[in-house]
């Protein structure tokens, strides 16, 4: 225990220096996710928009702080889009991130697949059973299929580029804000 009446200037400096690591870690624990959302989050949106991803995809990013509740553990920020799944629970985000090869698709729960074509049937193979329906002017045009071969999904690598470009932005912002915090909490003695 420290006897306050016996504290000297050097004793105060020693106490402040000893607490600097704790103060910085607490600040990091409380602010890392906010900075990640600002830096990585903005980069994720920019990458997703450049690759013409859906709003649903852009809204699916989640940030996590690992090690925040464990003393002396390294803090680690992770992010994912795991909630972005197909109706039967497959990780749709993974298909867009890494791409897929040409494959056969067919309906699992209905009699036929259905999608909006925007007035055109698209470039499906000849084996597709397709019916176009139009109910009136301005109504969407739909295509139907009991199964057909698709060319696959082109890899978008949104998460890869988000991590690559976001890291530098995150680090720069994090260090700048931490330095400002440490400066604002320093005493007249400089610590």
Protein backbone atom coordinates (compact mmCIF):
# COMPACT_ATOMS: atom_id res chain seq x y z
CA UNK A 1 0.00 0.00 0.00
CA UNK A 2 1.21 3.51 -0.81
CA UNK A 3 1.38 6.05 2.00
CA UNK A 4 0.11 9.25 0.37
CA UNK A 5 1.89 11.49 2.86
CA UNK A 6 5.24 10.05 1.81
CA UNK A 7 4.75 10.47 -1.98
CA UNK A 8 7.43 12.51 -3.64
CA UNK A 9 7.49 13.86 -7.16
CA UNK A 10 9.50 10.84 -8.29
CA UNK A 11 7.02 8.55 -6.51
CA UNK A 12 4.09 10.13 -8.38
CA UNK A 13 5.96 9.80 -11.67
CA UNK A 14 6.67 6.13 -10.92
CA UNK A 15 2.98 5.48 -10.14
CA UNK A 16 1.85 7.24 -13.32
CA UNK A 17 4.41 5.36 -15.42
CA UNK A 18 3.29 2.08 -13.87
CA UNK A 19 -0.33 2.86 -14.75
CA UNK A 20 0.34 3.97 -18.34
CA UNK A 21 0.04 0.45 -19.74
CA UNK A 22 -3.21 -0.16 -17.87
CA UNK A 23 -4.69 3.19 -18.98
CA UNK A 24 -3.74 2.53 -22.61
CA UNK A 25 -5.18 -1.00 -22.51
CA UNK A 26 -8.46 0.18 -20.98
CA UNK A 27 -8.74 2.92 -23.59
CA UNK A 28 -8.05 0.36 -26.35
CA UNK A 29 -10.65 -2.05 -24.95
CA UNK A 30 -13.28 0.68 -24.93
CA UNK A 31 -12.46 2.23 -28.33
CA UNK A 32 -11.09 -0.49 -30.63
CA UNK A 33 -14.47 -1.59 -32.03
CA UNK A 34 -15.53 2.02 -32.71
CA UNK A 35 -12.33 2.68 -34.64
CA UNK A 36 -12.63 -0.65 -36.49
CA UNK A 37 -16.18 0.17 -37.59
CA UNK A 38 -14.99 3.55 -38.81
CA UNK A 39 -11.91 2.34 -40.69
CA UNK A 40 -12.45 -1.29 -41.66
CA UNK A 41 -16.19 -0.69 -41.93
CA UNK A 42 -15.78 2.16 -44.41
CA UNK A 43 -13.28 0.12 -46.41
CA UNK A 44 -15.65 -2.86 -46.42
CA UNK A 45 -18.49 -0.70 -47.78
CA UNK A 46 -16.20 0.82 -50.43
CA UNK A 47 -14.98 -2.62 -51.54
CA UNK A 48 -18.50 -4.09 -51.53
CA UNK A 49 -19.89 -1.17 -53.56
CA UNK A 50 -17.04 -1.44 -56.06
CA UNK A 51 -17.91 -5.13 -56.52
CA UNK A 52 -21.66 -4.30 -56.77
CA UNK A 53 -22.62 -6.35 -53.72
CA UNK A 54 -26.13 -6.09 -52.26
CA UNK A 55 -27.21 -3.90 -49.34
CA UNK A 56 -27.90 -7.12 -47.42
CA UNK A 57 -24.27 -8.12 -47.84
CA UNK A 58 -23.00 -4.68 -46.82
CA UNK A 59 -25.17 -4.72 -43.68
CA UNK A 60 -23.91 -8.17 -42.63
CA UNK A 61 -20.43 -7.25 -41.34
CA UNK A 62 -19.93 -7.83 -37.62
CA UNK A 63 -16.97 -6.78 -35.46
CA UNK A 64 -15.70 -8.68 -32.41
CA UNK A 65 -13.09 -7.81 -29.78
CA UNK A 66 -11.27 -10.92 -28.59
CA UNK A 67 -9.36 -10.89 -25.30
CA UNK A 68 -11.15 -7.85 -23.85
CA UNK A 69 -12.21 -9.64 -20.67
CA UNK A 70 -8.94 -11.49 -20.07
CA UNK A 71 -6.21 -9.60 -18.19
CA UNK A 72 -2.86 -9.44 -20.00
CA UNK A 73 -4.29 -11.07 -23.14
CA UNK A 74 -3.65 -9.43 -26.46
CA UNK A 75 -6.64 -7.58 -27.84
CA UNK A 76 -7.66 -8.77 -31.27
CA UNK A 77 -10.27 -7.30 -33.61
CA UNK A 78 -12.03 -9.75 -35.90
CA UNK A 79 -14.80 -9.17 -38.40
CA UNK A 80 -16.96 -11.48 -40.44
CA UNK A 81 -20.08 -11.71 -42.56
CA UNK A 82 -21.16 -15.15 -41.35
CA UNK A 83 -24.77 -14.06 -40.92
CA UNK A 84 -24.97 -13.70 -44.70
CA UNK A 85 -26.25 -17.17 -45.57
CA UNK A 86 -28.50 -18.93 -48.04
CA UNK A 87 -31.97 -19.96 -46.94
CA UNK A 88 -30.68 -23.44 -46.09
CA UNK A 89 -27.77 -22.08 -44.01
CA UNK A 90 -24.85 -22.29 -46.45
CA UNK A 91 -22.28 -19.48 -46.13
CA UNK A 92 -23.20 -17.34 -49.13
CA UNK A 93 -20.54 -14.79 -48.25
CA UNK A 94 -17.88 -17.49 -48.79
CA UNK A 95 -19.14 -18.12 -52.34
CA UNK A 96 -18.78 -14.41 -53.14
CA UNK A 97 -15.42 -14.12 -51.41
CA UNK A 98 -13.68 -17.12 -52.98
CA UNK A 99 -15.91 -17.77 -55.99
CA UNK A 100 -17.36 -21.05 -57.24
CA UNK A 101 -16.80 -23.27 -60.26
CA UNK A 102 -19.49 -24.05 -62.80
CA UNK A 103 -22.09 -26.28 -61.19
CA UNK A 104 -25.63 -27.59 -61.42
CA UNK A 105 -28.38 -25.89 -59.42
CA UNK A 106 -31.88 -27.16 -58.76
CA UNK A 107 -34.74 -26.33 -56.41
CA UNK A 108 -34.64 -28.00 -53.00
CA UNK A 109 -37.88 -26.83 -51.46
CA UNK A 110 -40.05 -25.73 -54.41
CA UNK A 111 -40.97 -27.19 -57.80
CA UNK A 112 -38.88 -24.64 -59.68
CA UNK A 113 -36.28 -21.92 -59.20
CA UNK A 114 -37.52 -18.39 -59.88
CA UNK A 115 -35.62 -15.16 -60.44
CA UNK A 116 -36.30 -11.75 -61.85
CA UNK A 117 -34.64 -11.27 -65.23
CA UNK A 118 -35.25 -7.59 -65.87
CA UNK A 119 -36.81 -8.37 -69.24
CA UNK A 120 -34.18 -10.80 -70.49
CA UNK A 121 -33.70 -14.50 -69.90
CA UNK A 122 -29.97 -14.27 -69.24
CA UNK A 123 -27.32 -16.65 -70.53
CA UNK A 124 -28.47 -19.99 -69.17
CA UNK A 125 -27.67 -23.29 -70.86
CA UNK A 126 -30.04 -25.17 -73.19
CA UNK A 127 -30.88 -27.78 -70.55
CA UNK A 128 -32.85 -25.21 -68.57
CA UNK A 129 -36.64 -25.39 -68.52
CA UNK A 130 -37.62 -21.78 -68.73
CA UNK A 131 -40.94 -19.99 -68.84
CA UNK A 132 -41.26 -16.24 -68.96
CA UNK A 133 -44.31 -14.60 -67.53
CA UNK A 134 -45.48 -11.03 -67.88
CA UNK A 135 -48.61 -9.94 -66.13
CA UNK A 136 -48.77 -6.37 -67.41
CA UNK A 137 -46.80 -3.31 -68.43
CA UNK A 138 -44.01 -2.41 -66.03
CA UNK A 139 -44.25 -5.71 -64.15
CA UNK A 140 -41.06 -7.70 -63.72
CA UNK A 141 -40.19 -10.57 -65.99
CA UNK A 142 -39.41 -13.85 -64.26
CA UNK A 143 -37.54 -16.93 -65.37
CA UNK A 144 -38.24 -20.39 -63.96
CA UNK A 145 -36.13 -23.55 -63.97
CA UNK A 146 -36.35 -27.10 -62.65
CA UNK A 147 -32.56 -27.14 -62.72
CA UNK A 148 -29.72 -25.88 -64.88
CA UNK A 149 -25.97 -25.44 -65.08
CA UNK A 150 -24.56 -22.08 -63.97
CA UNK A 151 -21.15 -20.73 -64.79
CA UNK A 152 -20.29 -20.14 -61.14
CA UNK A 153 -19.67 -17.03 -59.07
CA UNK A 154 -16.69 -14.82 -59.74
CA UNK A 155 -14.52 -14.30 -56.64
CA UNK A 156 -15.09 -10.79 -55.26
CA UNK A 157 -12.46 -10.90 -52.45
CA UNK A 158 -14.21 -8.10 -50.54
CA UNK A 159 -12.98 -9.28 -47.13
CA UNK A 160 -9.44 -9.81 -48.40
CA UNK A 161 -9.18 -6.27 -49.77
CA UNK A 162 -10.94 -4.84 -46.73
CA UNK A 163 -8.34 -6.40 -44.46
CA UNK A 164 -5.44 -5.40 -46.71
CA UNK A 165 -6.43 -1.73 -47.15
CA UNK A 166 -8.21 -1.29 -43.82
CA UNK A 167 -5.25 -2.36 -41.68
CA UNK A 168 -3.19 0.73 -42.44
CA UNK A 169 -6.18 3.04 -41.91
CA UNK A 170 -7.09 1.32 -38.63
CA UNK A 171 -3.54 1.40 -37.27
CA UNK A 172 -3.03 5.06 -38.15
CA UNK A 173 -6.37 6.13 -36.60
CA UNK A 174 -5.88 3.94 -33.52
CA UNK A 175 -2.39 5.28 -32.77
CA UNK A 176 -3.49 8.89 -33.38
CA UNK A 177 -6.46 8.60 -30.98
CA UNK A 178 -4.51 6.69 -28.33
CA UNK A 179 -1.76 9.30 -28.40
CA UNK A 180 -4.34 12.08 -28.05
CA UNK A 181 -5.89 10.25 -25.07
CA UNK A 182 -2.55 9.70 -23.34
CA UNK A 183 -1.61 13.36 -23.92
CA UNK A 184 -4.95 14.59 -22.56
CA UNK A 185 -4.62 12.51 -19.38
CA UNK A 186 -1.00 13.43 -18.69
CA UNK A 187 -0.22 15.41 -15.55
CA UNK A 188 1.84 18.59 -15.39
CA UNK A 189 4.78 16.29 -14.81
CA UNK A 190 4.35 14.86 -18.31
CA UNK A 191 3.08 11.35 -17.48
